[in-house]
Protein backbone atom coordinates (compact mmCIF):
# COMPACT_ATOMS: atom_id res chain seq x y z
CA MET A 1 -18.40 -64.22 -50.62
CA SER A 2 -20.62 -66.73 -52.40
CA ILE A 3 -21.03 -65.77 -56.03
CA ALA A 4 -23.56 -67.16 -58.51
CA PRO A 5 -22.59 -67.65 -62.16
CA LEU A 6 -24.89 -65.88 -64.58
CA ARG A 7 -24.82 -64.74 -68.21
CA LEU A 8 -26.26 -61.27 -68.39
CA MET A 9 -27.07 -58.98 -71.30
CA ALA A 10 -26.60 -55.20 -71.11
CA THR A 11 -22.99 -54.79 -70.07
CA ALA A 12 -23.39 -51.12 -69.24
CA VAL A 13 -26.09 -51.85 -66.65
CA LEU A 14 -24.02 -54.60 -65.05
CA ALA A 15 -20.82 -52.54 -64.99
CA GLY A 16 -22.67 -49.68 -63.31
CA THR A 17 -24.21 -52.04 -60.78
CA LEU A 18 -20.89 -53.66 -59.84
CA THR A 19 -19.15 -50.29 -59.55
CA ALA A 20 -21.95 -48.85 -57.44
CA CYS A 21 -21.90 -51.90 -55.17
CA GLY A 22 -18.14 -51.80 -54.75
CA GLY A 23 -17.90 -55.13 -56.59
CA GLY A 24 -14.44 -55.83 -57.76
CA ALA A 25 -12.67 -59.12 -58.16
CA PRO A 26 -12.55 -61.11 -54.92
CA ALA A 27 -9.22 -61.56 -53.19
CA SER A 28 -9.07 -65.30 -53.95
CA PRO A 29 -10.01 -67.49 -56.96
CA ASP A 30 -13.32 -68.66 -55.49
CA THR A 31 -15.49 -67.21 -58.25
CA LEU A 32 -17.18 -69.30 -60.90
CA THR A 33 -18.13 -67.65 -64.18
CA PRO A 34 -19.56 -69.25 -67.35
CA ALA A 35 -17.29 -69.21 -70.36
CA PRO A 36 -17.91 -66.21 -72.67
CA ALA A 37 -20.43 -66.63 -75.48
CA ALA A 38 -21.21 -64.36 -78.42
CA ALA A 39 -23.21 -61.24 -77.52
CA THR A 40 -23.17 -62.03 -73.82
CA VAL A 41 -20.94 -61.08 -70.95
CA PRO A 42 -20.03 -63.54 -68.22
CA ALA A 43 -20.77 -61.80 -64.96
CA ILE A 44 -20.04 -61.94 -61.32
CA ALA A 45 -23.22 -61.02 -59.49
CA PRO A 46 -22.74 -60.31 -55.80
CA ALA A 47 -25.74 -60.53 -53.47
CA THR A 48 -25.98 -56.72 -53.53
CA ALA A 49 -26.54 -56.51 -57.31
CA SER A 50 -29.77 -55.02 -58.57
CA ALA A 51 -32.72 -57.44 -58.63
CA ALA A 52 -33.84 -55.91 -61.94
CA VAL A 53 -30.51 -56.82 -63.55
CA LEU A 54 -30.57 -60.38 -62.14
CA ALA A 55 -34.15 -60.98 -63.30
CA LYS A 56 -33.01 -60.62 -66.94
CA ALA A 57 -30.52 -63.49 -66.70
CA ASP A 58 -30.64 -66.15 -69.40
CA PRO A 59 -30.53 -69.77 -68.20
CA VAL A 60 -27.00 -71.12 -68.08
CA GLU A 61 -26.25 -74.84 -68.37
CA PHE A 62 -23.12 -76.41 -66.93
CA SER A 63 -21.83 -79.87 -67.73
CA LEU A 64 -20.77 -81.74 -64.58
CA GLN A 65 -17.89 -84.05 -65.54
CA ASN A 66 -15.41 -86.55 -64.11
CA GLY A 67 -17.50 -86.95 -60.97
CA THR A 68 -16.81 -89.44 -58.21
CA PHE A 69 -19.20 -90.39 -55.43
CA THR A 70 -19.55 -92.31 -52.21
CA LEU A 71 -23.02 -93.06 -50.85
CA GLU A 72 -23.02 -94.47 -47.33
CA VAL A 73 -26.08 -96.32 -46.08
CA GLY A 74 -25.77 -97.60 -42.53
CA SER A 75 -22.56 -99.66 -42.41
CA ALA A 76 -22.43 -100.17 -46.22
CA SER A 77 -21.39 -97.90 -49.06
CA LEU A 78 -21.61 -97.54 -52.82
CA ILE A 79 -18.84 -95.94 -54.89
CA GLY A 80 -18.50 -94.94 -58.52
CA THR A 81 -18.37 -92.21 -61.11
CA TYR A 82 -20.96 -89.82 -62.58
CA GLU A 83 -21.73 -87.20 -65.20
CA GLY A 84 -24.58 -84.74 -65.32
CA ARG A 85 -25.77 -81.21 -65.90
CA SER A 86 -26.89 -78.23 -63.92
CA VAL A 87 -29.17 -75.45 -65.17
CA GLN A 88 -29.25 -72.04 -63.51
CA GLY A 89 -31.74 -69.34 -64.35
CA SER A 90 -34.26 -67.10 -62.64
CA GLY A 91 -35.53 -69.99 -60.45
CA PRO A 92 -33.65 -72.52 -58.34
CA GLU A 93 -30.67 -74.32 -59.87
CA LEU A 94 -31.72 -77.79 -61.06
CA ALA A 95 -29.39 -80.74 -61.69
CA SER A 96 -29.63 -84.27 -63.08
CA LEU A 97 -26.91 -86.91 -62.72
CA THR A 98 -26.27 -90.44 -63.94
CA LEU A 99 -24.22 -92.45 -61.43
CA ASP A 100 -22.29 -95.55 -62.54
CA VAL A 101 -21.86 -97.82 -59.50
CA THR A 102 -18.47 -99.57 -59.66
CA GLY A 103 -18.24 -101.12 -56.20
CA GLY A 104 -19.19 -101.01 -52.59
CA THR A 105 -18.64 -102.25 -49.06
CA GLY A 106 -20.71 -104.19 -46.53
CA SER A 107 -23.97 -105.44 -48.01
CA PHE A 108 -23.02 -103.58 -51.23
CA THR A 109 -19.69 -105.43 -51.73
CA GLY A 110 -19.11 -105.91 -55.45
CA ALA A 111 -22.10 -103.73 -56.38
CA THR A 112 -22.69 -102.69 -59.98
CA GLY A 113 -25.48 -100.75 -61.60
CA VAL A 114 -26.69 -97.34 -62.66
CA LEU A 115 -28.46 -94.84 -60.41
CA THR A 116 -30.07 -91.53 -61.30
CA ALA A 117 -30.11 -88.40 -59.21
CA ASP A 118 -32.12 -85.20 -59.33
CA GLY A 119 -31.21 -82.18 -57.29
CA ARG A 120 -31.82 -78.54 -56.47
CA GLY A 121 -29.39 -75.95 -55.23
CA ALA A 122 -25.63 -75.60 -55.47
CA PHE A 123 -24.38 -78.12 -58.07
CA ALA A 124 -22.23 -75.54 -59.96
CA GLY A 125 -21.42 -73.15 -57.11
CA GLU A 126 -21.17 -72.89 -53.34
CA GLY A 127 -24.17 -73.23 -51.06
CA ALA A 128 -26.90 -75.59 -49.97
CA PHE A 129 -28.20 -78.49 -52.07
CA GLN A 130 -30.81 -81.26 -51.99
CA ILE A 131 -30.47 -84.55 -53.87
CA THR A 132 -32.58 -87.67 -54.44
CA VAL A 133 -30.75 -90.77 -55.71
CA THR A 134 -32.78 -93.73 -57.00
CA GLY A 135 -32.24 -97.01 -58.81
CA GLU A 136 -31.23 -100.64 -58.39
CA VAL A 137 -27.82 -102.19 -57.93
CA GLU A 138 -26.68 -105.77 -58.22
CA ALA A 139 -24.88 -106.85 -55.03
CA ASN A 140 -25.70 -110.37 -53.85
CA GLY A 141 -29.13 -109.94 -55.45
CA GLN A 142 -30.98 -106.83 -56.64
CA LYS A 143 -31.15 -104.02 -54.10
CA ARG A 144 -33.35 -100.98 -54.52
CA VAL A 145 -31.68 -97.70 -53.54
CA ARG A 146 -33.47 -94.46 -52.67
CA ILE A 147 -31.53 -91.78 -50.81
CA LYS A 148 -32.75 -88.28 -50.00
CA ALA A 149 -30.10 -85.93 -48.62
CA LYS A 150 -29.30 -82.26 -48.00
CA GLY A 151 -25.91 -80.68 -47.62
CA GLN A 152 -23.39 -78.00 -48.58
CA SER A 153 -21.15 -77.53 -51.63
CA GLY A 154 -17.69 -75.99 -51.65
CA LEU A 155 -15.92 -74.66 -54.74
CA SER A 156 -12.19 -74.81 -55.43
CA CYS A 157 -10.02 -74.22 -58.48
CA GLY A 158 -8.29 -77.35 -59.79
CA SER A 159 -5.68 -77.65 -62.51
CA THR A 160 -8.40 -77.98 -65.19
CA GLY A 161 -10.84 -75.43 -63.74
CA PRO A 162 -13.57 -75.31 -61.10
CA VAL A 163 -14.10 -78.35 -58.89
CA LEU A 164 -17.12 -78.73 -56.62
CA ALA A 165 -17.12 -80.92 -53.50
CA MET A 166 -20.54 -81.76 -52.07
CA SER A 167 -21.25 -83.35 -48.69
CA GLY A 168 -24.64 -84.13 -47.22
CA SER A 169 -26.72 -86.42 -45.06
CA GLY A 170 -30.24 -87.76 -45.04
CA SER A 171 -32.19 -90.99 -45.20
CA ALA A 172 -32.27 -94.19 -47.24
CA GLY A 173 -35.76 -95.12 -46.05
CA ASN A 174 -35.89 -98.48 -44.28
CA LEU A 175 -32.14 -98.95 -44.87
CA GLY A 176 -31.43 -96.18 -42.32
CA GLU A 177 -29.42 -92.99 -42.31
CA ALA A 178 -27.38 -92.05 -45.35
CA SER A 179 -24.57 -89.70 -46.32
CA VAL A 180 -23.47 -88.50 -49.75
CA GLN A 181 -20.08 -87.29 -50.96
CA LEU A 182 -19.82 -86.05 -54.55
CA THR A 183 -16.98 -84.27 -56.36
CA HIS A 184 -17.05 -83.08 -59.98
CA GLU A 185 -15.48 -80.71 -62.46
CA ILE A 186 -17.62 -77.96 -63.98
CA ALA A 187 -17.09 -77.75 -67.75
CA GLY A 188 -17.75 -74.51 -69.59
CA ALA A 189 -16.71 -72.41 -66.60
CA PHE A 190 -13.51 -70.99 -65.25
CA CYS A 191 -12.17 -69.64 -61.99
CA ALA A 192 -11.97 -65.86 -61.94
CA PRO A 193 -9.00 -64.36 -60.12
């Protein structure tokens, strides 16, 4: 069951909705819930929850930390680390990342630089995502990078909390086909049993 993290007000309404929908804790720790905050209740909102209850959700921001990435473009690749944030609310989840390029292969051997990425979709939970990565790297001269990709995210529970693995494919314009692999920890959230 794919479950979206939301902070919801009105605990009585939510409790009634989950009970009426048969929503209990899932059998495995694949649930992501924001850490509790004053006067709010972290909630697990299954797809069958009332639309009226979900419409009252406050935006929730997650810090994406300790990320690692591999961007493959043709027969070359870029590798490095990243940090970012994801905001979930009544609209689509939006994310922004800063990628620190620490190396590469092929025409990107020895690459360094900073790339930025903007995305929509599952950056703090399971599901589909879209990402656009742009910037310049230094690797035997300046090289402009622009990758647009779509893919799927999978959530697991690591020793420090939720970990999201993202895998997708797309295009790097005139450089050819591209693939993206990203993995990060989600701060401010925990895995529910």
